[in-house]
Amino acid sequence: MHANSIAPDRIKLGKQIGGGHFGQVFRATLTTIATSTTSNGQRTGTELAVAVKVIRSKAFGFAAIDELLHEADIMASFDHPNILKTHGVVHGRK
C-alpha cells in the first residue's frame, strides 16, 4: 500500500504540539475529498483532526527523502488501534 498524496490546500495547520531536529508537529485539519452534496448542490468533504509532521527540507538529502516516503508507505499499511493512522503525504508547500 502506498501513502496517498494530499494536496497542500486540504491541510489547515493549527498549534504546534511538538518538534525536534528534523521538523515540527502541528495539530491540523484535513479536509477529505468531497463525499456529500449540500442542499444547494455544492460538494463538501469531511474535516478530520490530524497531526502533521512538517519536515525541515534543509535537514535532508534526496536519499533521506526517499527513505521518509518509503516509511510513509509502510505506515499507511498499518491498521491497528495503537498505531497512528497515516492518511498521506503532502509534497511541496502551501
PDB file of N, CA and C in Angstrom:
ATOM      1  N   MET A   1       0.840  -1.183   0.000  1.00  0.00           N
ATOM      2  CA  MET A   1       0.000   0.000   0.000  1.00  0.00           C
ATOM      3  C   MET A   1       0.881   1.241   0.000  1.00  0.00           C
ATOM      4  N   HIS A   2       0.474   2.247  -0.750  1.00  0.00           N
ATOM      5  CA  HIS A   2       1.219   3.499  -0.799  1.00  0.00           C
ATOM      6  C   HIS A   2       0.463   4.584  -0.049  1.00  0.00           C
ATOM      7  N   ALA A   3       1.217   5.480   0.564  1.00  0.00           N
ATOM      8  CA  ALA A   3       0.608   6.626   1.229  1.00  0.00           C
ATOM      9  C   ALA A   3      -0.012   7.523   0.163  1.00  0.00           C
ATOM     10  N   ASN A   4      -1.218   8.004   0.408  1.00  0.00           N
ATOM     11  CA  ASN A   4      -1.884   8.902  -0.525  1.00  0.00           C
ATOM     12  C   ASN A   4      -1.124  10.208  -0.632  1.00  0.00           C
ATOM     13  N   SER A   5      -1.186  10.825  -1.796  1.00  0.00           N
ATOM     14  CA  SER A   5      -0.648  12.165  -1.976  1.00  0.00           C
ATOM     15  C   SER A   5      -1.778  13.133  -1.633  1.00  0.00           C
ATOM     16  N   ILE A   6      -1.512  14.065  -0.729  1.00  0.00           N
ATOM     17  CA  ILE A   6      -2.520  15.012  -0.263  1.00  0.00           C
ATOM     18  C   ILE A   6      -2.144  16.406  -0.742  1.00  0.00           C
ATOM     19  N   ALA A   7      -3.086  17.103  -1.364  1.00  0.00           N
ATOM     20  CA  ALA A   7      -2.843  18.469  -1.835  1.00  0.00           C
ATOM     21  C   ALA A   7      -2.674  19.400  -0.631  1.00  0.00           C
ATOM     22  N   PRO A   8      -1.704  20.307  -0.687  1.00  0.00           N
ATOM     23  CA  PRO A   8      -1.465  21.217   0.442  1.00  0.00           C
ATOM     24  C   PRO A   8      -2.686  22.037   0.854  1.00  0.00           C
ATOM     25  N   ASP A   9      -3.585  22.351  -0.090  1.00  0.00           N
ATOM     26  CA  ASP A   9      -4.747  23.176   0.260  1.00  0.00           C
ATOM     27  C   ASP A   9      -5.809  22.413   1.046  1.00  0.00           C
ATOM     28  N   ARG A  10      -5.630  21.109   1.235  1.00  0.00           N
ATOM     29  CA  ARG A  10      -6.561  20.314   2.051  1.00  0.00           C
ATOM     30  C   ARG A  10      -6.154  20.277   3.520  1.00  0.00           C
ATOM     31  N   ILE A  11      -5.007  20.905   3.868  1.00  0.00           N
ATOM     32  CA  ILE A  11      -4.493  20.909   5.237  1.00  0.00           C
ATOM     33  C   ILE A  11      -4.533  22.326   5.798  1.00  0.00           C
ATOM     34  N   LYS A  12      -5.073  22.471   7.005  1.00  0.00           N
ATOM     35  CA  LYS A  12      -5.027  23.746   7.725  1.00  0.00           C
ATOM     36  C   LYS A  12      -4.255  23.500   9.007  1.00  0.00           C
ATOM     37  N   LEU A  13      -3.050  24.072   9.088  1.00  0.00           N
ATOM     38  CA  LEU A  13      -2.226  23.885  10.280  1.00  0.00           C
ATOM     39  C   LEU A  13      -2.774  24.695  11.440  1.00  0.00           C
ATOM     40  N   GLY A  14      -2.677  24.100  12.625  1.00  0.00           N
ATOM     41  CA  GLY A  14      -3.056  24.774  13.864  1.00  0.00           C
ATOM     42  C   GLY A  14      -1.834  24.982  14.737  1.00  0.00           C
ATOM     43  N   LYS A  15      -2.011  24.771  16.013  1.00  0.00           N
ATOM     44  CA  LYS A  15      -0.967  24.991  17.007  1.00  0.00           C
ATOM     45  C   LYS A  15       0.135  23.935  16.921  1.00  0.00           C
ATOM     46  N   GLN A  16       1.379  24.379  17.086  1.00  0.00           N
ATOM     47  CA  GLN A  16       2.496  23.431  17.141  1.00  0.00           C
ATOM     48  C   GLN A  16       2.398  22.642  18.443  1.00  0.00           C
ATOM     49  N   ILE A  17       2.528  21.315  18.350  1.00  0.00           N
ATOM     50  CA  ILE A  17       2.415  20.459  19.535  1.00  0.00           C
ATOM     51  C   ILE A  17       3.684  19.682  19.833  1.00  0.00           C
ATOM     52  N   GLY A  18       4.686  19.821  18.970  1.00  0.00           N
ATOM     53  CA  GLY A  18       5.941  19.113  19.202  1.00  0.00           C
ATOM     54  C   GLY A  18       6.969  19.511  18.173  1.00  0.00           C
ATOM     55  N   GLY A  19       8.176  19.032  18.374  1.00  0.00           N
ATOM     56  CA  GLY A  19       9.223  19.347  17.421  1.00  0.00           C
ATOM     57  C   GLY A  19      10.524  18.678  17.794  1.00  0.00           C
ATOM     58  N   GLY A  20      11.444  18.732  16.870  1.00  0.00           N
ATOM     59  CA  GLY A  20      12.745  18.134  17.083  1.00  0.00           C
ATOM     60  C   GLY A  20      13.703  18.569  16.003  1.00  0.00           C
ATOM     61  N   HIS A  21      14.774  17.825  15.872  1.00  0.00           N
ATOM     62  CA  HIS A  21      15.832  18.170  14.926  1.00  0.00           C
ATOM     63  C   HIS A  21      15.346  18.199  13.482  1.00  0.00           C
ATOM     64  N   PHE A  22      14.445  17.304  13.112  1.00  0.00           N
ATOM     65  CA  PHE A  22      14.045  17.178  11.719  1.00  0.00           C
ATOM     66  C   PHE A  22      12.809  17.989  11.343  1.00  0.00           C
ATOM     67  N   GLY A  23      12.109  18.562  12.314  1.00  0.00           N
ATOM     68  CA  GLY A  23      10.932  19.343  11.974  1.00  0.00           C
ATOM     69  C   GLY A  23      10.013  19.550  13.156  1.00  0.00           C
ATOM     70  N   GLN A  24       8.799  20.005  12.857  1.00  0.00           N
ATOM     71  CA  GLN A  24       7.795  20.276  13.874  1.00  0.00           C
ATOM     72  C   GLN A  24       6.541  19.439  13.613  1.00  0.00           C
ATOM     73  N   VAL A  25       5.743  19.263  14.685  1.00  0.00           N
ATOM     74  CA  VAL A  25       4.459  18.570  14.588  1.00  0.00           C
ATOM     75  C   VAL A  25       3.373  19.554  14.990  1.00  0.00           C
ATOM     76  N   PHE A  26       2.316  19.619  14.185  1.00  0.00           N
ATOM     77  CA  PHE A  26       1.220  20.548  14.403  1.00  0.00           C
ATOM     78  C   PHE A  26      -0.109  19.805  14.503  1.00  0.00           C
ATOM     79  N   ARG A  27      -1.025  20.356  15.307  1.00  0.00           N
ATOM     80  CA  ARG A  27      -2.430  19.957  15.188  1.00  0.00           C
ATOM     81  C   ARG A  27      -2.876  20.527  13.852  1.00  0.00           C
ATOM     82  N   ALA A  28      -3.767  19.827  13.172  1.00  0.00           N
ATOM     83  CA  ALA A  28      -4.221  20.316  11.869  1.00  0.00           C
ATOM     84  C   ALA A  28      -5.595  19.743  11.551  1.00  0.00           C
ATOM     85  N   THR A  29      -6.171  20.284  10.500  1.00  0.00           N
ATOM     86  CA  THR A  29      -7.438  19.781   9.983  1.00  0.00           C
ATOM     87  C   THR A  29      -7.203  19.346   8.540  1.00  0.00           C
ATOM     88  N   LEU A  30      -7.613  18.128   8.230  1.00  0.00           N
ATOM     89  CA  LEU A  30      -7.546  17.592   6.876  1.00  0.00           C
ATOM     90  C   LEU A  30      -8.962  17.543   6.330  1.00  0.00           C
ATOM     91  N   THR A  31      -9.186  18.203   5.215  1.00  0.00           N
ATOM     92  CA  THR A  31     -10.483  18.128   4.550  1.00  0.00           C
ATOM     93  C   THR A  31     -10.406  17.003   3.528  1.00  0.00           C
ATOM     94  N   THR A  32     -11.269  16.019   3.704  1.00  0.00           N
ATOM     95  CA  THR A  32     -11.267  14.871   2.795  1.00  0.00           C
ATOM     96  C   THR A  32     -11.842  15.285   1.443  1.00  0.00           C
ATOM     97  N   ILE A  33     -11.657  14.453   0.456  1.00  0.00           N
ATOM     98  CA  ILE A  33     -12.239  14.702  -0.861  1.00  0.00           C
ATOM     99  C   ILE A  33     -13.755  14.687  -0.716  1.00  0.00           C
ATOM    100  N   ALA A  34     -14.422  15.572  -1.447  1.00  0.00           N
ATOM    101  CA  ALA A  34     -15.874  15.726  -1.335  1.00  0.00           C
ATOM    102  C   ALA A  34     -16.595  14.392  -1.441  1.00  0.00           C
ATOM    103  N   THR A  35     -17.430  14.126  -0.419  1.00  0.00           N
ATOM    104  CA  THR A  35     -18.169  12.862  -0.393  1.00  0.00           C
ATOM    105  C   THR A  35     -19.677  13.058  -0.296  1.00  0.00           C
ATOM    106  N   SER A  36     -20.110  14.311  -0.083  1.00  0.00           N
ATOM    107  CA  SER A  36     -21.547  14.549   0.025  1.00  0.00           C
ATOM    108  C   SER A  36     -21.900  15.852  -0.696  1.00  0.00           C
ATOM    109  N   THR A  37     -23.191  16.047  -0.936  1.00  0.00           N
ATOM    110  CA  THR A  37     -23.674  17.232  -1.637  1.00  0.00           C
ATOM    111  C   THR A  37     -24.637  17.979  -0.731  1.00  0.00           C
ATOM    112  N   THR A  38     -24.464  19.309  -0.632  1.00  0.00           N
ATOM    113  CA  THR A  38     -25.349  20.139   0.183  1.00  0.00           C
ATOM    114  C   THR A  38     -26.662  20.366  -0.557  1.00  0.00           C
ATOM    115  N   SER A  39     -27.630  21.004   0.119  1.00  0.00           N
ATOM    116  CA  SER A  39     -28.940  21.248  -0.490  1.00  0.00           C
ATOM    117  C   SER A  39     -28.852  22.171  -1.704  1.00  0.00           C
ATOM    118  N   ASN A  40     -27.803  23.012  -1.765  1.00  0.00           N
ATOM    119  CA  ASN A  40     -27.660  23.891  -2.935  1.00  0.00           C
ATOM    120  C   ASN A  40     -26.732  23.305  -3.998  1.00  0.00           C
ATOM    121  N   GLY A  41     -26.381  22.025  -3.869  1.00  0.00           N
ATOM    122  CA  GLY A  41     -25.628  21.328  -4.889  1.00  0.00           C
ATOM    123  C   GLY A  41     -24.118  21.368  -4.759  1.00  0.00           C
ATOM    124  N   GLN A  42     -23.591  22.015  -3.705  1.00  0.00           N
ATOM    125  CA  GLN A  42     -22.145  22.047  -3.514  1.00  0.00           C
ATOM    126  C   GLN A  42     -21.670  20.751  -2.879  1.00  0.00           C
ATOM    127  N   ARG A  43     -20.531  20.268  -3.382  1.00  0.00           N
ATOM    128  CA  ARG A  43     -19.947  19.055  -2.811  1.00  0.00           C
ATOM    129  C   ARG A  43     -19.054  19.452  -1.650  1.00  0.00           C
ATOM    130  N   THR A  44     -19.143  18.700  -0.556  1.00  0.00           N
ATOM    131  CA  THR A  44     -18.351  19.012   0.631  1.00  0.00           C
ATOM    132  C   THR A  44     -17.605  17.775   1.106  1.00  0.00           C
ATOM    133  N   GLY A  45     -16.468  18.010   1.712  1.00  0.00           N
ATOM    134  CA  GLY A  45     -15.692  16.930   2.306  1.00  0.00           C
ATOM    135  C   GLY A  45     -15.858  16.948   3.811  1.00  0.00           C
ATOM    136  N   THR A  46     -15.325  15.944   4.460  1.00  0.00           N
ATOM    137  CA  THR A  46     -15.355  15.836   5.909  1.00  0.00           C
ATOM    138  C   THR A  46     -14.050  16.385   6.460  1.00  0.00           C
ATOM    139  N   GLU A  47     -14.121  17.071   7.595  1.00  0.00           N
ATOM    140  CA  GLU A  47     -12.911  17.573   8.236  1.00  0.00           C
ATOM    141  C   GLU A  47     -12.475  16.599   9.319  1.00  0.00           C
ATOM    142  N   LEU A  48     -11.205  16.185   9.266  1.00  0.00           N
ATOM    143  CA  LEU A  48     -10.632  15.270  10.240  1.00  0.00           C
ATOM    144  C   LEU A  48      -9.568  15.993  11.056  1.00  0.00           C
ATOM    145  N   ALA A  49      -9.568  15.780  12.364  1.00  0.00           N
ATOM    146  CA  ALA A  49      -8.487  16.294  13.205  1.00  0.00           C
ATOM    147  C   ALA A  49      -7.291  15.364  13.024  1.00  0.00           C
ATOM    148  N   VAL A  50      -6.155  15.931  12.663  1.00  0.00           N
ATOM    149  CA  VAL A  50      -4.955  15.137  12.397  1.00  0.00           C
ATOM    150  C   VAL A  50      -3.740  15.817  13.014  1.00  0.00           C
ATOM    151  N   ALA A  51      -2.650  15.096  13.054  1.00  0.00           N
ATOM    152  CA  ALA A  51      -1.345  15.671  13.390  1.00  0.00           C
ATOM    153  C   ALA A  51      -0.532  15.677  12.104  1.00  0.00           C
ATOM    154  N   VAL A  52       0.204  16.762  11.878  1.00  0.00           N
ATOM    155  CA  VAL A  52       1.010  16.900  10.670  1.00  0.00           C
ATOM    156  C   VAL A  52       2.462  17.121  11.067  1.00  0.00           C
ATOM    157  N   LYS A  53       3.331  16.294  10.522  1.00  0.00           N
ATOM    158  CA  LYS A  53       4.769  16.471  10.725  1.00  0.00           C
ATOM    159  C   LYS A  53       5.302  17.279   9.550  1.00  0.00           C
ATOM    160  N   VAL A  54       5.874  18.456   9.850  1.00  0.00           N
ATOM    161  CA  VAL A  54       6.458  19.313   8.820  1.00  0.00           C
ATOM    162  C   VAL A  54       7.969  19.132   8.888  1.00  0.00           C
ATOM    163  N   ILE A  55       8.526  18.605   7.817  1.00  0.00           N
ATOM    164  CA  ILE A  55       9.948  18.280   7.770  1.00  0.00           C
ATOM    165  C   ILE A  55      10.735  19.489   7.294  1.00  0.00           C
ATOM    166  N   ARG A  56      11.842  19.760   7.971  1.00  0.00           N
ATOM    167  CA  ARG A  56      12.752  20.812   7.506  1.00  0.00           C
ATOM    168  C   ARG A  56      13.495  20.280   6.287  1.00  0.00           C
ATOM    169  N   SER A  57      13.219  20.853   5.135  1.00  0.00           N
ATOM    170  CA  SER A  57      13.805  20.331   3.900  1.00  0.00           C
ATOM    171  C   SER A  57      15.327  20.432   3.892  1.00  0.00           C
ATOM    172  N   LYS A  58      15.891  21.394   4.575  1.00  0.00           N
ATOM    173  CA  LYS A  58      17.348  21.541   4.598  1.00  0.00           C
ATOM    174  C   LYS A  58      18.022  20.434   5.399  1.00  0.00           C
ATOM    175  N   ALA A  59      17.248  19.701   6.189  1.00  0.00           N
ATOM    176  CA  ALA A  59      17.819  18.645   7.035  1.00  0.00           C
ATOM    177  C   ALA A  59      18.037  17.349   6.265  1.00  0.00           C
ATOM    178  N   PHE A  60      17.546  17.280   5.024  1.00  0.00           N
ATOM    179  CA  PHE A  60      17.565  16.019   4.292  1.00  0.00           C
ATOM    180  C   PHE A  60      18.125  16.164   2.892  1.00  0.00           C
ATOM    181  N   GLY A  61      18.792  15.125   2.442  1.00  0.00           N
ATOM    182  CA  GLY A  61      19.180  14.994   1.040  1.00  0.00           C
ATOM    183  C   GLY A  61      18.145  14.134   0.339  1.00  0.00           C
ATOM    184  N   PHE A  62      18.338  13.899  -0.951  1.00  0.00           N
ATOM    185  CA  PHE A  62      17.371  13.121  -1.724  1.00  0.00           C
ATOM    186  C   PHE A  62      17.213  11.695  -1.208  1.00  0.00           C
ATOM    187  N   ALA A  63      18.296  11.075  -0.786  1.00  0.00           N
ATOM    188  CA  ALA A  63      18.211   9.695  -0.286  1.00  0.00           C
ATOM    189  C   ALA A  63      17.367   9.633   0.981  1.00  0.00           C
ATOM    190  N   ALA A  64      17.525  10.605   1.864  1.00  0.00           N
ATOM    191  CA  ALA A  64      16.748  10.627   3.101  1.00  0.00           C
ATOM    192  C   ALA A  64      15.270  10.881   2.816  1.00  0.00           C
ATOM    193  N   ILE A  65      14.968  11.717   1.833  1.00  0.00           N
ATOM    194  CA  ILE A  65      13.578  11.978   1.463  1.00  0.00           C
ATOM    195  C   ILE A  65      12.948  10.701   0.908  1.00  0.00           C
ATOM    196  N   ASP A  66      13.672   9.969   0.080  1.00  0.00           N
ATOM    197  CA  ASP A  66      13.165   8.689  -0.428  1.00  0.00           C
ATOM    198  C   ASP A  66      12.887   7.721   0.717  1.00  0.00           C
ATOM    199  N   GLU A  67      13.767   7.716   1.710  1.00  0.00           N
ATOM    200  CA  GLU A  67      13.568   6.845   2.877  1.00  0.00           C
ATOM    201  C   GLU A  67      12.325   7.252   3.662  1.00  0.00           C
ATOM    202  N   LEU A  68      12.098   8.551   3.833  1.00  0.00           N
ATOM    203  CA  LEU A  68      10.888   9.034   4.527  1.00  0.00           C
ATOM    204  C   LEU A  68       9.625   8.636   3.767  1.00  0.00           C
ATOM    205  N   LEU A  69       9.645   8.754   2.442  1.00  0.00           N
ATOM    206  CA  LEU A  69       8.477   8.365   1.648  1.00  0.00           C
ATOM    207  C   LEU A  69       8.229   6.864   1.742  1.00  0.00           C
ATOM    208  N   HIS A  70       9.294   6.076   1.772  1.00  0.00           N
ATOM    209  CA  HIS A  70       9.152   4.631   1.943  1.00  0.00           C
ATOM    210  C   HIS A  70       8.549   4.324   3.316  1.00  0.00           C
ATOM    211  N   GLU A  71       9.000   5.032   4.349  1.00  0.00           N
ATOM    212  CA  GLU A  71       8.439   4.850   5.691  1.00  0.00           C
ATOM    213  C   GLU A  71       6.959   5.212   5.709  1.00  0.00           C
ATOM    214  N   ALA A  72       6.569   6.285   5.019  1.00  0.00           N
ATOM    215  CA  ALA A  72       5.159   6.678   4.951  1.00  0.00           C
ATOM    216  C   ALA A  72       4.328   5.590   4.282  1.00  0.00           C
ATOM    217  N   ASP A  73       4.868   4.967   3.237  1.00  0.00           N
ATOM    218  CA  ASP A  73       4.159   3.860   2.580  1.00  0.00           C
ATOM    219  C   ASP A  73       3.936   2.706   3.551  1.00  0.00           C
ATOM    220  N   ILE A  74       4.946   2.381   4.331  1.00  0.00           N
ATOM    221  CA  ILE A  74       4.820   1.295   5.320  1.00  0.00           C
ATOM    222  C   ILE A  74       3.795   1.670   6.380  1.00  0.00           C
ATOM    223  N   MET A  75       3.886   2.899   6.888  1.00  0.00           N
ATOM    224  CA  MET A  75       2.951   3.348   7.925  1.00  0.00           C
ATOM    225  C   MET A  75       1.507   3.344   7.420  1.00  0.00           C
ATOM    226  N   ALA A  76       1.303   3.667   6.147  1.00  0.00           N
ATOM    227  CA  ALA A  76      -0.049   3.697   5.572  1.00  0.00           C
ATOM    228  C   ALA A  76      -0.674   2.306   5.543  1.00  0.00           C
ATOM    229  N   SER A  77       0.148   1.262   5.562  1.00  0.00           N
ATOM    230  CA  SER A  77      -0.384  -0.105   5.523  1.00  0.00           C
ATOM    231  C   SER A  77      -0.832  -0.608   6.893  1.00  0.00           C
ATOM    232  N   PHE A  78      -0.442   0.092   7.963  1.00  0.00           N
ATOM    233  CA  PHE A  78      -0.816  -0.339   9.310  1.00  0.00           C
ATOM    234  C   PHE A  78      -2.276  -0.013   9.600  1.00  0.00           C
ATOM    235  N   ASP A  79      -2.958  -0.940  10.231  1.00  0.00           N
ATOM    236  CA  ASP A  79      -4.336  -0.724  10.666  1.00  0.00           C
ATOM    237  C   ASP A  79      -4.489  -1.355  12.038  1.00  0.00           C
ATOM    238  N   HIS A  80      -4.120  -0.586  13.057  1.00  0.00           N
ATOM    239  CA  HIS A  80      -4.127  -1.087  14.427  1.00  0.00           C
ATOM    240  C   HIS A  80      -4.525   0.050  15.357  1.00  0.00           C
ATOM    241  N   PRO A  81      -5.356  -0.221  16.368  1.00  0.00           N
ATOM    242  CA  PRO A  81      -5.822   0.857  17.252  1.00  0.00           C
ATOM    243  C   PRO A  81      -4.713   1.543  18.058  1.00  0.00           C
ATOM    244  N   ASN A  82      -3.560   0.908  18.207  1.00  0.00           N
ATOM    245  CA  ASN A  82      -2.477   1.509  18.983  1.00  0.00           C
ATOM    246  C   ASN A  82      -1.418   2.195  18.120  1.00  0.00           C
ATOM    247  N   ILE A  83      -1.668   2.295  16.816  1.00  0.00           N
ATOM    248  CA  ILE A  83      -0.724   2.934  15.897  1.00  0.00           C
ATOM    249  C   ILE A  83      -1.452   4.053  15.170  1.00  0.00           C
ATOM    250  N   LEU A  84      -0.828   5.249  15.147  1.00  0.00           N
ATOM    251  CA  LEU A  84      -1.418   6.368  14.428  1.00  0.00           C
ATOM    252  C   LEU A  84      -1.613   6.015  12.963  1.00  0.00           C
ATOM    253  N   LYS A  85      -2.736   6.416  12.422  1.00  0.00           N
ATOM    254  CA  LYS A  85      -3.041   6.155  11.015  1.00  0.00           C
ATOM    255  C   LYS A  85      -2.352   7.198  10.148  1.00  0.00           C
ATOM    256  N   THR A  86      -1.641   6.753   9.142  1.00  0.00           N
ATOM    257  CA  THR A  86      -1.036   7.655   8.171  1.00  0.00           C
ATOM    258  C   THR A  86      -2.031   7.852   7.039  1.00  0.00           C
ATOM    259  N   HIS A  87      -2.527   9.087   6.894  1.00  0.00           N
ATOM    260  CA  HIS A  87      -3.503   9.378   5.837  1.00  0.00           C
ATOM    261  C   HIS A  87      -2.825   9.698   4.518  1.00  0.00           C
ATOM    262  N   GLY A  88      -1.595  10.206   4.571  1.00  0.00           N
ATOM    263  CA  GLY A  88      -0.903  10.510   3.327  1.00  0.00           C
ATOM    264  C   GLY A  88       0.272  11.443   3.523  1.00  0.00           C
ATOM    265  N   VAL A  89       0.798  11.897   2.396  1.00  0.00           N
ATOM    266  CA  VAL A  89       1.976  12.752   2.356  1.00  0.00           C
ATOM    267  C   VAL A  89       1.643  13.980   1.530  1.00  0.00           C
ATOM    268  N   VAL A  90       2.012  15.151   2.040  1.00  0.00           N
ATOM    269  CA  VAL A  90       1.855  16.399   1.297  1.00  0.00           C
ATOM    270  C   VAL A  90       3.217  16.759   0.735  1.00  0.00           C
ATOM    271  N   HIS A  91       3.284  16.941  -0.574  1.00  0.00           N
ATOM    272  CA  HIS A  91       4.525  17.339  -1.224  1.00  0.00           C
ATOM    273  C   HIS A  91       4.475  18.830  -1.493  1.00  0.00           C
ATOM    274  N   GLY A  92       5.564  19.519  -1.289  1.00  0.00           N
ATOM    275  CA  GLY A  92       5.612  20.942  -1.579  1.00  0.00           C
ATOM    276  C   GLY A  92       5.130  21.773  -0.415  1.00  0.00           C
ATOM    277  N   ARG A  93       4.884  23.027  -0.714  1.00  0.00           N
ATOM    278  CA  ARG A  93       4.494  23.980   0.331  1.00  0.00           C
ATOM    279  C   ARG A  93       3.116  24.518   0.045  1.00  0.00           C
ATOM    280  N   LYS A  94       2.499  24.967   1.102  1.00  0.00           N
ATOM    281  CA  LYS A  94       1.178  25.587   0.969  1.00  0.00           C
ATOM    282  C   LYS A  94       1.345  27.056   0.735  1.00  0.00           C
TER     283      LYS A  94
END
